[in-house]
Amino acid sequence: MSSVSIKDVAARAGVSPGTVSNVLNRPEKVATSTRSRVERAIRELGFVRHGSASSLRAGHSRTIGLSVIDIGNPFFTDVATGVEDVASERGYAVILGNSSGDRLKEERNLLVFAEQRVRGVLITPSDEDLSRIDRLKERGICVVFVDHPAARADQCSVAVNDVTGGAMAVTHLLEGGARRIAYVTGPTTIRQCLERRQGAERALLAAGRTPATALQEISMTAMTARHGQQAAEKLLAQGPLPDGVFCANDLLALGVLRGLMHAGVRVPADVALIGYDDIDFASASAVTLSSVRQPTHRLGQVATELLLDECDNPDTHAHQQIMFQPELVIRESTSST
């Protein structure tokens, strides 16, 4: 059986081959009813375009790369869903790279993206040395930072104000009566961890407290529930227990909650506990978890819209650094009422 061509699809749909090409490459430029007719013809005929050939002609493919720090964290899963929703609507596929916070692994992922001729890259960088981003741009690959503010005016970014979020969390603990506060965090190379600590210090200063003596930090090598449980064991071993614990993400907080409960510590009666991200598990734990909510799905959507606008309209695209504000969500872990 001979392969189905664009002309065959056009004849079945009653449109020109150029319209079929637009549906495949620039679907947003085609009326919804026409696009549906063409897509139906594609399905009925079983048409598959030669992706590598079209990529060579265009210099890029209908794919974008997404590099995140930890796809095991539901925060990044929600961001990826937002990315995929917009990309799919625009006729793009998403290639996912998980750096695990490892700079070398991230660089290998970015090389794969370049080899696959991605149209652009969305990235939550693993550290603050961003020279590899400049190398991508030198290859003609557009880049947008996700959950990381851009350092320059010629870069796009979508982020959440983590300093404000950290201040919200600790202010809430202080207002609930906490006097001794611990901050359970991840690697110090991660910007979000540093800025959430800055917010915590800001809240303590506003309350007339000295951060150097009022804030106990427990730094873990990773931000998982297992590491959170290990952090709880450290808190228990060091004693006396703080009466308020702020965790840099919800996975750490859920691990801390488990470790404290196993030791017979009551949350929130003995220790008030708050996390960050407001993942779905936060509202489903044995003691529902107070958290600082981020608009994760929206982060992915807006970042992808910025990226594709820069790719499609390089002459008119205006670089934007969008900063969302977090929201405090109060549940049982800080309030038994």
Protein backbone atom coordinates (compact mmCIF):
# COMPACT_ATOMS: atom_id res chain seq x y z
CA MET A 1 0.00 0.00 0.00
CA SER A 2 1.43 3.44 -0.97
CA SER A 3 1.87 6.04 1.77
CA VAL A 4 -0.78 8.70 2.23
CA SER A 5 0.31 12.18 1.17
CA ILE A 6 -0.73 15.70 2.18
CA LYS A 7 -2.52 15.95 -1.16
CA ASP A 8 -4.60 12.89 -0.27
CA VAL A 9 -5.59 14.45 3.05
CA ALA A 10 -6.43 17.74 1.33
CA ALA A 11 -8.66 15.97 -1.20
CA ARG A 12 -10.50 14.05 1.55
CA ALA A 13 -11.03 17.22 3.64
CA GLY A 14 -11.90 19.44 0.68
CA VAL A 15 -9.14 21.96 1.38
CA SER A 16 -5.84 22.97 -0.18
CA PRO A 17 -2.55 21.19 0.65
CA GLY A 18 -1.42 24.51 2.17
CA THR A 19 -4.30 24.35 4.67
CA VAL A 20 -3.29 20.82 5.64
CA SER A 21 0.27 22.07 6.14
CA ASN A 22 -1.00 24.86 8.38
CA VAL A 23 -2.99 22.39 10.48
CA LEU A 24 0.17 20.33 10.94
CA ASN A 25 2.54 23.22 11.60
CA ARG A 26 0.52 26.28 12.63
CA PRO A 27 -2.85 24.95 13.85
CA GLU A 28 -3.69 28.18 15.67
CA LYS A 29 -3.95 29.94 12.28
CA VAL A 30 -6.71 27.61 11.00
CA ALA A 31 -10.41 28.00 11.78
CA THR A 32 -11.63 25.41 14.28
CA SER A 33 -14.18 23.85 11.91
CA THR A 34 -11.62 23.53 9.10
CA ARG A 35 -9.00 22.15 11.45
CA SER A 36 -11.46 19.53 12.73
CA ARG A 37 -12.25 18.47 9.16
CA VAL A 38 -8.59 18.10 8.29
CA GLU A 39 -7.82 16.21 11.51
CA ARG A 40 -10.70 13.84 10.78
CA ALA A 41 -9.28 13.18 7.29
CA ILE A 42 -5.85 12.54 8.80
CA ARG A 43 -7.34 9.95 11.17
CA GLU A 44 -9.45 8.30 8.49
CA LEU A 45 -6.55 7.99 6.04
CA GLY A 46 -3.96 7.13 8.67
CA PHE A 47 -1.66 9.92 7.49
CA VAL A 48 1.68 10.25 9.28
CA ARG A 49 3.98 13.08 8.29
CA HIS A 50 7.71 12.60 7.90
CA GLY A 51 8.80 14.47 11.00
CA SER A 52 12.55 14.31 10.42
CA ALA A 53 12.25 15.68 6.90
CA SER A 54 10.09 18.61 7.96
CA SER A 55 12.45 19.30 10.87
CA LEU A 56 15.42 19.50 8.51
CA ARG A 57 13.59 21.89 6.22
CA ALA A 58 12.47 24.14 9.05
CA GLY A 59 15.61 23.84 11.16
CA HIS A 60 13.55 22.70 14.14
CA SER A 61 10.85 20.20 15.06
CA ARG A 62 7.32 20.56 16.46
CA THR A 63 8.66 19.76 19.91
CA ILE A 64 9.68 21.73 22.96
CA GLY A 65 11.92 20.58 25.79
CA LEU A 66 10.96 20.77 29.46
CA SER A 67 13.74 20.38 32.04
CA VAL A 68 12.70 20.13 35.69
CA ILE A 69 14.54 19.43 38.94
CA ASP A 70 12.38 16.55 40.23
CA ILE A 71 9.51 15.05 38.26
CA GLY A 72 8.76 12.89 41.31
CA ASN A 73 7.55 16.06 43.05
CA PRO A 74 3.85 16.62 42.24
CA PHE A 75 4.60 20.35 41.93
CA PHE A 76 6.54 19.69 38.73
CA THR A 77 3.98 17.16 37.51
CA ASP A 78 1.32 19.88 37.70
CA VAL A 79 3.61 22.36 35.92
CA ALA A 80 4.25 19.78 33.18
CA THR A 81 0.50 19.28 32.74
CA GLY A 82 0.08 23.01 32.15
CA VAL A 83 2.92 22.94 29.63
CA GLU A 84 1.45 19.98 27.77
CA ASP A 85 -2.03 21.49 27.63
CA VAL A 86 -0.82 24.58 25.75
CA ALA A 87 1.73 22.73 23.66
CA SER A 88 -0.82 20.16 22.48
CA GLU A 89 -3.30 22.87 21.55
CA ARG A 90 -0.59 24.50 19.43
CA GLY A 91 0.44 21.24 17.74
CA TYR A 92 3.63 20.62 19.72
CA ALA A 93 4.91 17.59 21.60
CA VAL A 94 6.87 17.91 24.85
CA ILE A 95 10.16 16.14 25.58
CA LEU A 96 10.73 15.86 29.33
CA GLY A 97 14.13 15.95 30.98
CA ASN A 98 14.49 15.32 34.72
CA SER A 99 17.75 16.72 36.09
CA SER A 100 17.33 15.47 39.68
CA GLY A 101 19.05 18.71 40.63
CA ASP A 102 22.26 17.41 39.00
CA ARG A 103 24.05 19.98 36.80
CA LEU A 104 25.75 17.37 34.59
CA LYS A 105 22.53 15.44 34.05
CA GLU A 106 20.76 18.67 33.17
CA GLU A 107 23.45 19.54 30.61
CA ARG A 108 23.07 16.09 29.00
CA ASN A 109 19.31 16.63 28.78
CA LEU A 110 19.80 20.02 27.14
CA LEU A 111 22.17 18.45 24.60
CA VAL A 112 19.51 15.87 23.73
CA PHE A 113 16.98 18.69 23.28
CA ALA A 114 19.35 20.43 20.87
CA GLU A 115 20.01 17.20 18.96
CA GLN A 116 16.26 16.73 18.59
CA ARG A 117 15.99 20.23 17.11
CA VAL A 118 13.45 21.39 19.70
CA ARG A 119 11.77 24.70 18.94
CA GLY A 120 12.39 25.97 22.45
CA VAL A 121 13.20 24.96 26.02
CA LEU A 122 11.41 25.52 29.33
CA ILE A 123 13.74 25.02 32.26
CA THR A 124 13.86 25.10 36.03
CA PRO A 125 17.66 25.29 36.36
CA SER A 126 19.50 23.18 38.89
CA ASP A 127 21.81 26.03 39.97
CA GLU A 128 22.53 29.70 39.36
CA ASP A 129 25.30 29.27 36.75
CA LEU A 130 23.27 29.84 33.59
CA SER A 131 26.03 29.86 30.96
CA ARG A 132 24.49 26.73 29.42
CA ILE A 133 21.34 28.74 28.72
CA ASP A 134 23.35 31.20 26.66
CA ARG A 135 24.74 28.29 24.65
CA LEU A 136 21.20 27.17 23.83
CA LYS A 137 20.29 30.67 22.66
CA GLU A 138 23.42 30.74 20.50
CA ARG A 139 22.00 27.67 18.73
CA GLY A 140 18.82 29.63 17.99
CA ILE A 141 16.78 27.84 20.66
CA CYS A 142 14.39 30.05 22.64
CA VAL A 143 14.43 29.59 26.43
CA VAL A 144 11.93 30.48 29.15
CA PHE A 145 12.64 29.99 32.86
CA VAL A 146 9.96 28.22 34.88
CA ASP A 147 9.73 28.73 38.66
CA HIS A 148 12.90 30.82 38.39
CA PRO A 149 13.03 34.58 37.78
CA ALA A 150 15.13 35.74 34.84
CA ALA A 151 18.27 37.66 35.68
CA ARG A 152 18.26 39.76 32.51
CA ALA A 153 15.75 41.85 30.60
CA ASP A 154 16.33 39.82 27.41
CA GLN A 155 14.99 36.64 29.02
CA CYS A 156 11.46 35.44 29.76
CA SER A 157 10.51 33.86 33.05
CA VAL A 158 7.51 32.77 35.07
CA ALA A 159 7.98 32.41 38.81
CA VAL A 160 6.31 32.74 42.19
CA ASN A 161 7.50 35.15 44.88
CA ASP A 162 9.21 32.69 47.23
CA VAL A 163 10.40 35.37 49.65
CA THR A 164 6.79 36.41 50.19
CA GLY A 165 5.77 32.76 50.51
CA GLY A 166 8.39 32.04 53.15
CA ALA A 167 7.34 35.12 55.10
CA MET A 168 3.69 34.04 54.92
CA ALA A 169 4.51 30.61 56.35
CA VAL A 170 6.57 31.84 59.30
CA THR A 171 4.25 34.75 60.07
CA HIS A 172 1.43 32.22 60.31
CA LEU A 173 3.45 30.08 62.75
CA LEU A 174 4.31 33.12 64.87
CA GLU A 175 0.70 34.28 64.94
CA GLY A 176 -0.28 30.82 66.14
CA GLY A 177 2.04 31.19 69.14
CA ALA A 178 5.19 29.43 67.93
CA ARG A 179 8.38 30.69 69.59
CA ARG A 180 11.03 28.19 68.47
CA ILE A 181 10.90 27.65 64.70
CA ALA A 182 12.79 25.16 62.55
CA TYR A 183 13.25 25.45 58.79
CA VAL A 184 13.58 22.09 57.04
CA THR A 185 15.04 22.64 53.60
CA GLY A 186 16.83 21.07 50.66
CA PRO A 187 20.23 21.70 49.06
CA THR A 188 21.51 25.26 49.48
CA THR A 189 22.20 25.44 45.73
CA ILE A 190 18.46 25.54 45.03
CA ARG A 191 17.29 29.14 44.72
CA GLN A 192 13.78 28.39 46.00
CA CYS A 193 15.18 27.04 49.27
CA LEU A 194 17.31 30.12 49.81
CA GLU A 195 14.51 32.58 49.03
CA ARG A 196 12.00 30.81 51.25
CA ARG A 197 14.53 31.08 54.07
CA GLN A 198 14.93 34.78 53.31
CA GLY A 199 11.17 35.13 53.69
CA ALA A 200 11.28 33.28 57.00
CA GLU A 201 14.00 35.63 58.26
CA ARG A 202 11.99 38.64 57.11
CA ALA A 203 8.98 37.47 59.13
CA LEU A 204 11.11 36.95 62.24
CA LEU A 205 12.66 40.41 61.92
CA ALA A 206 9.21 41.95 61.53
CA ALA A 207 8.23 40.24 64.78
CA GLY A 208 11.27 41.63 66.58
CA ARG A 209 13.12 38.30 66.58
CA THR A 210 16.75 37.65 65.62
CA PRO A 211 16.91 35.03 62.84
CA ALA A 212 20.35 33.79 63.84
CA THR A 213 18.98 32.59 67.18
CA ALA A 214 15.26 32.21 66.46
CA LEU A 215 15.52 29.97 63.37
CA GLN A 216 16.96 26.46 63.46
CA GLU A 217 17.82 25.09 60.00
CA ILE A 218 17.83 21.43 59.05
CA SER A 219 19.29 21.07 55.54
CA MET A 220 18.73 17.81 53.65
CA THR A 221 20.37 16.55 50.47
CA ALA A 222 17.02 16.06 48.73
CA MET A 223 13.44 17.31 49.14
CA THR A 224 11.52 14.04 49.44
CA ALA A 225 9.21 12.59 52.08
CA ARG A 226 11.96 10.15 53.10
CA HIS A 227 14.35 13.01 53.73
CA GLY A 228 11.61 14.81 55.64
CA GLN A 229 11.27 11.84 57.97
CA GLN A 230 15.05 11.88 58.49
CA ALA A 231 14.81 15.59 59.29
CA ALA A 232 12.19 14.81 61.96
CA GLU A 233 14.58 12.27 63.48
CA LYS A 234 17.28 14.97 63.60
CA LEU A 235 14.91 17.39 65.32
CA LEU A 236 13.96 14.74 67.86
CA ALA A 237 17.59 13.87 68.54
CA GLN A 238 18.74 17.47 68.95
CA GLY A 239 15.97 18.56 71.33
CA PRO A 240 14.24 20.48 72.67
CA LEU A 241 11.68 20.28 69.89
CA PRO A 242 10.69 23.50 68.14
CA ASP A 243 7.02 24.37 68.47
CA GLY A 244 6.80 25.42 64.81
CA VAL A 245 8.30 23.80 61.70
CA PHE A 246 8.36 25.34 58.22
CA CYS A 247 9.34 22.99 55.39
CA ALA A 248 10.61 24.15 52.00
CA ASN A 249 8.16 21.86 50.23
CA ASP A 250 5.21 19.63 51.03
CA LEU A 251 7.07 16.35 50.50
CA LEU A 252 9.52 17.29 53.24
CA ALA A 253 6.60 18.38 55.43
CA LEU A 254 4.75 15.10 54.94
CA GLY A 255 7.90 13.21 55.92
CA VAL A 256 8.36 15.39 59.00
CA LEU A 257 4.71 14.79 59.92
CA ARG A 258 5.18 11.05 59.70
CA GLY A 259 8.38 11.11 61.74
CA LEU A 260 6.85 13.23 64.49
CA MET A 261 3.69 11.13 64.68
CA HIS A 262 5.74 7.91 64.94
CA ALA A 263 7.53 9.45 67.92
CA GLY A 264 4.23 10.32 69.60
CA VAL A 265 4.53 14.05 68.94
CA ARG A 266 1.14 15.67 68.40
CA VAL A 267 0.64 17.93 65.40
CA PRO A 268 -0.38 20.72 65.91
CA ALA A 269 -0.77 20.48 69.71
CA ASP A 270 2.98 19.99 70.31
CA VAL A 271 4.42 21.17 67.00
CA ALA A 272 2.70 23.29 64.34
CA LEU A 273 3.80 22.29 60.83
CA ILE A 274 3.51 24.04 57.47
CA GLY A 275 4.75 23.06 54.02
CA TYR A 276 5.06 24.71 50.62
CA ASP A 277 3.45 24.04 47.18
CA ASP A 278 0.03 22.75 48.33
CA ILE A 279 0.25 19.49 46.38
CA ASP A 280 -2.81 17.22 46.38
CA PHE A 281 -1.36 15.01 49.12
CA ALA A 282 -1.34 18.00 51.50
CA SER A 283 -5.11 17.84 51.91
CA ALA A 284 -5.19 14.04 52.08
CA SER A 285 -2.66 13.32 54.87
CA ALA A 286 -3.59 11.91 58.27
CA VAL A 287 -3.34 15.44 59.64
CA THR A 288 -4.16 17.74 56.75
CA LEU A 289 -1.22 19.96 55.95
CA SER A 290 -1.16 23.74 55.97
CA SER A 291 0.84 24.98 53.01
CA VAL A 292 1.77 27.88 50.77
CA ARG A 293 -0.03 27.40 47.46
CA GLN A 294 1.56 28.10 44.11
CA PRO A 295 -0.40 28.32 40.81
CA THR A 296 1.48 25.34 39.39
CA HIS A 297 -0.70 24.54 36.37
CA ARG A 298 -0.83 28.21 35.43
CA LEU A 299 2.96 28.46 35.67
CA GLY A 300 3.27 25.81 32.98
CA GLN A 301 0.62 27.35 30.77
CA VAL A 302 1.97 30.90 30.85
CA ALA A 303 5.58 29.78 30.39
CA THR A 304 4.63 27.81 27.28
CA GLU A 305 2.62 30.69 25.85
CA LEU A 306 5.64 32.99 26.30
CA LEU A 307 7.98 30.45 24.73
CA LEU A 308 5.87 29.85 21.63
CA ASP A 309 5.25 33.56 21.18
CA GLU A 310 9.01 34.17 21.20
CA CYS A 311 9.52 31.31 18.72
CA ASP A 312 6.74 32.38 16.35
CA ASN A 313 7.11 36.16 16.61
CA PRO A 314 10.79 36.93 17.20
CA ASP A 315 10.54 40.44 15.77
CA THR A 316 7.59 41.58 17.86
CA HIS A 317 7.98 39.41 20.97
CA ALA A 318 8.34 41.37 24.22
CA HIS A 319 10.31 39.59 26.94
CA GLN A 320 8.39 39.34 30.18
CA GLN A 321 9.36 38.41 33.72
CA ILE A 322 6.07 37.34 35.31
CA MET A 323 5.91 36.97 39.08
CA PHE A 324 2.87 35.31 40.64
CA GLN A 325 2.00 35.74 44.31
CA PRO A 326 1.57 32.70 46.61
CA GLU A 327 -1.43 32.00 48.81
CA LEU A 328 -1.57 30.74 52.40
CA VAL A 329 -3.73 27.63 52.89
CA ILE A 330 -4.51 26.82 56.54
CA ARG A 331 -5.38 23.26 57.55
CA GLU A 332 -5.18 21.03 60.63
CA SER A 333 -1.37 20.93 60.96
CA THR A 334 -1.30 24.51 62.23
CA SER A 335 -4.85 24.88 63.49
CA SER A 336 -6.94 22.25 65.27
CA THR A 337 -10.09 24.35 64.98
